[in-house]
């Protein structure tokens, strides 16, 4: 299997990190730690927290069943003939 694109992508990323580390005046290893251990982990935790909030946010389950039933019957008049 041809994996040259993987090697090229890896080399490009390493060169990018080396140039970025040189530009901001830190080592490659320190920048690697900042990017992959701190920034990525922090963004993952924030993403999970936002998703959990949106999943269980207040007011999501306030609709009562009769209101939902009325909306179903408006959308489909045959729904009231179905057995409960």
Foldseek 3Di string as FASTA:
>chain_A
DDDVVVVVVVVVVLVVLCVVCVVVVHHSVVSCCCVPVPVVVVVVVVVVVVVVCVVDPPPPPPDDPVVVVVVVCVVPVCVVVDDD
